[in-house]
Amino acid sequence: MITKGIRGAITVDENSEEAIKNATLELLKIMIEKNNIDKSMISHVIFTLTDDLNAAFPAKFARIDMGWQETAMMCFHELNVPNSLSQCLRVLIVLNCDEKFVPKFVYLKGAANLR
């Protein structure tokens, strides 16, 4: 087994707990589905948000709504780079997986232009 990361990002409609929750769950569910991930494979998860999003911690929704109570997660602010995408939630899921596993990255809504 080796460790690999899966990147994902989504723009959030507004700076509210409900909007951050909806975006977090939408992004995580698609990432899990596209990569056929079982939560036992997850080593840890890193969330970043642009500094215009501070109404909630995305990790809270992964713990409560997805049952990731045993998963190590941290939330950070993204670098404030001039002219970068605003209202953006990014995630890095780090997995323990087979060497042949090929991560499928997921970019949704306004974040699709990041790729």
C-alpha atoms as a PDB file:
ATOM      1  CA  MET A   1       0.000   0.000   0.000  1.00  0.00           C
ATOM      2  CA  ILE A   2       1.025   3.558  -0.699  1.00  0.00           C
ATOM      3  CA  THR A   3      -0.417   7.014  -0.029  1.00  0.00           C
ATOM      4  CA  LYS A   4      -1.964   9.206  -2.746  1.00  0.00           C
ATOM      5  CA  GLY A   5      -3.969  12.428  -2.713  1.00  0.00           C
ATOM      6  CA  ILE A   6      -7.164  13.387  -4.481  1.00  0.00           C
ATOM      7  CA  ARG A   7      -7.779  17.089  -5.089  1.00  0.00           C
ATOM      8  CA  GLY A   8     -11.143  18.739  -5.414  1.00  0.00           C
ATOM      9  CA  ALA A   9     -12.650  22.218  -5.393  1.00  0.00           C
ATOM     10  CA  ILE A  10     -16.041  23.898  -5.582  1.00  0.00           C
ATOM     11  CA  THR A  11     -17.276  27.458  -5.401  1.00  0.00           C
ATOM     12  CA  VAL A  12     -19.727  28.280  -2.607  1.00  0.00           C
ATOM     13  CA  ASP A  13     -22.836  30.370  -3.311  1.00  0.00           C
ATOM     14  CA  GLU A  14     -22.553  32.547  -0.193  1.00  0.00           C
ATOM     15  CA  ASN A  15     -20.760  32.818   3.137  1.00  0.00           C
ATOM     16  CA  SER A  16     -23.307  30.940   5.232  1.00  0.00           C
ATOM     17  CA  GLU A  17     -23.173  27.713   7.210  1.00  0.00           C
ATOM     18  CA  GLU A  18     -25.823  26.145   4.974  1.00  0.00           C
ATOM     19  CA  ALA A  19     -24.020  27.056   1.725  1.00  0.00           C
ATOM     20  CA  ILE A  20     -20.673  25.761   3.016  1.00  0.00           C
ATOM     21  CA  LYS A  21     -22.356  22.559   4.213  1.00  0.00           C
ATOM     22  CA  ASN A  22     -24.063  21.977   0.853  1.00  0.00           C
ATOM     23  CA  ALA A  23     -20.867  22.638  -1.118  1.00  0.00           C
ATOM     24  CA  THR A  24     -18.757  20.441   1.182  1.00  0.00           C
ATOM     25  CA  LEU A  25     -21.123  17.487   0.983  1.00  0.00           C
ATOM     26  CA  GLU A  26     -21.641  17.822  -2.779  1.00  0.00           C
ATOM     27  CA  LEU A  27     -17.902  17.882  -3.431  1.00  0.00           C
ATOM     28  CA  LEU A  28     -17.022  15.043  -1.030  1.00  0.00           C
ATOM     29  CA  LYS A  29     -19.801  12.760  -2.275  1.00  0.00           C
ATOM     30  CA  ILE A  30     -18.707  13.157  -5.900  1.00  0.00           C
ATOM     31  CA  MET A  31     -15.036  12.663  -4.992  1.00  0.00           C
ATOM     32  CA  ILE A  32     -15.892   9.467  -3.068  1.00  0.00           C
ATOM     33  CA  GLU A  33     -18.099   8.187  -5.874  1.00  0.00           C
ATOM     34  CA  LYS A  34     -15.677   8.913  -8.748  1.00  0.00           C
ATOM     35  CA  ASN A  35     -12.752   7.366  -6.870  1.00  0.00           C
ATOM     36  CA  ASN A  36     -14.636   4.436  -5.303  1.00  0.00           C
ATOM     37  CA  ILE A  37     -13.327   5.328  -1.838  1.00  0.00           C
ATOM     38  CA  ASP A  38     -14.198   3.470   1.341  1.00  0.00           C
ATOM     39  CA  LYS A  39     -13.738   5.708   4.389  1.00  0.00           C
ATOM     40  CA  SER A  40     -11.332   3.124   5.891  1.00  0.00           C
ATOM     41  CA  MET A  41      -8.904   4.067   3.067  1.00  0.00           C
ATOM     42  CA  ILE A  42      -8.718   7.729   4.140  1.00  0.00           C
ATOM     43  CA  SER A  43      -5.565   8.758   5.996  1.00  0.00           C
ATOM     44  CA  HIS A  44      -6.527  12.418   6.465  1.00  0.00           C
ATOM     45  CA  VAL A  45      -8.327  15.322   4.807  1.00  0.00           C
ATOM     46  CA  ILE A  46      -7.248  18.944   4.403  1.00  0.00           C
ATOM     47  CA  PHE A  47      -9.811  21.641   3.627  1.00  0.00           C
ATOM     48  CA  THR A  48      -9.004  25.194   2.572  1.00  0.00           C
ATOM     49  CA  LEU A  49     -11.377  28.092   2.080  1.00  0.00           C
ATOM     50  CA  THR A  50     -10.774  31.501   0.577  1.00  0.00           C
ATOM     51  CA  ASP A  51     -10.898  34.168   3.269  1.00  0.00           C
ATOM     52  CA  ASP A  52     -14.354  35.330   2.136  1.00  0.00           C
ATOM     53  CA  LEU A  53     -15.706  32.013   3.519  1.00  0.00           C
ATOM     54  CA  ASN A  54     -15.634  31.788   7.317  1.00  0.00           C
ATOM     55  CA  ALA A  55     -19.177  30.874   8.410  1.00  0.00           C
ATOM     56  CA  ALA A  56     -18.395  27.186   9.123  1.00  0.00           C
ATOM     57  CA  PHE A  57     -15.729  24.491   9.245  1.00  0.00           C
ATOM     58  CA  PRO A  58     -16.134  22.031   6.334  1.00  0.00           C
ATOM     59  CA  ALA A  59     -14.688  19.207   8.466  1.00  0.00           C
ATOM     60  CA  LYS A  60     -17.727  19.460  10.752  1.00  0.00           C
ATOM     61  CA  PHE A  61     -20.004  18.315   7.935  1.00  0.00           C
ATOM     62  CA  ALA A  62     -17.716  15.454   6.928  1.00  0.00           C
ATOM     63  CA  ARG A  63     -17.762  14.229  10.537  1.00  0.00           C
ATOM     64  CA  ILE A  64     -21.491  14.645  11.148  1.00  0.00           C
ATOM     65  CA  ASP A  65     -23.050  13.939   7.753  1.00  0.00           C
ATOM     66  CA  MET A  66     -20.574  11.468   6.276  1.00  0.00           C
ATOM     67  CA  GLY A  67     -19.626   9.618   9.454  1.00  0.00           C
ATOM     68  CA  TRP A  68     -15.929  10.470   9.341  1.00  0.00           C
ATOM     69  CA  GLN A  69     -15.518  10.637  13.140  1.00  0.00           C
ATOM     70  CA  GLU A  70     -12.251   8.665  13.071  1.00  0.00           C
ATOM     71  CA  THR A  71     -10.706  10.639  10.202  1.00  0.00           C
ATOM     72  CA  ALA A  72      -8.098  13.316  10.913  1.00  0.00           C
ATOM     73  CA  MET A  73      -9.174  16.599   9.285  1.00  0.00           C
ATOM     74  CA  MET A  74      -7.974  20.200   9.355  1.00  0.00           C
ATOM     75  CA  CYS A  75      -9.367  23.440   7.922  1.00  0.00           C
ATOM     76  CA  PHE A  76      -7.201  26.333   6.714  1.00  0.00           C
ATOM     77  CA  HIS A  77      -7.494  29.575   4.790  1.00  0.00           C
ATOM     78  CA  GLU A  78      -6.259  29.516   1.210  1.00  0.00           C
ATOM     79  CA  LEU A  79      -3.526  31.995   0.249  1.00  0.00           C
ATOM     80  CA  ASN A  80      -5.002  35.366  -0.675  1.00  0.00           C
ATOM     81  CA  VAL A  81      -3.473  35.659  -4.146  1.00  0.00           C
ATOM     82  CA  PRO A  82      -4.546  38.738  -6.156  1.00  0.00           C
ATOM     83  CA  ASN A  83      -7.157  37.975  -8.844  1.00  0.00           C
ATOM     84  CA  SER A  84      -7.632  34.383  -7.683  1.00  0.00           C
ATOM     85  CA  LEU A  85     -10.986  32.605  -7.546  1.00  0.00           C
ATOM     86  CA  SER A  86     -13.173  33.833  -4.681  1.00  0.00           C
ATOM     87  CA  GLN A  87     -15.659  31.879  -2.540  1.00  0.00           C
ATOM     88  CA  CYS A  88     -13.752  28.657  -3.191  1.00  0.00           C
ATOM     89  CA  LEU A  89     -13.579  25.541  -1.022  1.00  0.00           C
ATOM     90  CA  ARG A  90     -10.741  23.143  -1.795  1.00  0.00           C
ATOM     91  CA  VAL A  91     -10.117  19.687  -0.394  1.00  0.00           C
ATOM     92  CA  LEU A  92      -7.270  17.190  -0.423  1.00  0.00           C
ATOM     93  CA  ILE A  93      -8.249  13.643   0.547  1.00  0.00           C
ATOM     94  CA  VAL A  94      -5.150  11.576   1.347  1.00  0.00           C
ATOM     95  CA  LEU A  95      -5.654   7.829   0.892  1.00  0.00           C
ATOM     96  CA  ASN A  96      -3.891   4.617   1.708  1.00  0.00           C
ATOM     97  CA  CYS A  97      -4.324   2.744  -1.556  1.00  0.00           C
ATOM     98  CA  ASP A  98      -2.933   0.318  -4.073  1.00  0.00           C
ATOM     99  CA  GLU A  99      -0.035   1.504  -6.233  1.00  0.00           C
ATOM    100  CA  LYS A 100      -2.182   1.208  -9.359  1.00  0.00           C
ATOM    101  CA  PHE A 101      -4.865   3.587  -8.051  1.00  0.00           C
ATOM    102  CA  VAL A 102      -5.190   6.654 -10.294  1.00  0.00           C
ATOM    103  CA  PRO A 103      -6.861   9.626  -8.553  1.00  0.00           C
ATOM    104  CA  LYS A 104      -9.724  11.346 -10.335  1.00  0.00           C
ATOM    105  CA  PHE A 105      -9.737  15.014  -9.354  1.00  0.00           C
ATOM    106  CA  VAL A 106     -13.061  16.859  -9.086  1.00  0.00           C
ATOM    107  CA  TYR A 107     -13.650  20.547  -9.846  1.00  0.00           C
ATOM    108  CA  LEU A 108     -17.228  21.807  -9.634  1.00  0.00           C
ATOM    109  CA  LYS A 109     -19.144  24.998 -10.421  1.00  0.00           C
ATOM    110  CA  GLY A 110     -16.848  28.037 -10.741  1.00  0.00           C
ATOM    111  CA  ALA A 111     -13.854  25.936  -9.681  1.00  0.00           C
ATOM    112  CA  ALA A 112     -14.053  23.978 -12.953  1.00  0.00           C
ATOM    113  CA  ASN A 113     -11.833  26.626 -14.555  1.00  0.00           C
ATOM    114  CA  LEU A 114      -9.028  25.745 -12.112  1.00  0.00           C
ATOM    115  CA  ARG A 115      -8.328  22.759 -14.350  1.00  0.00           C
END
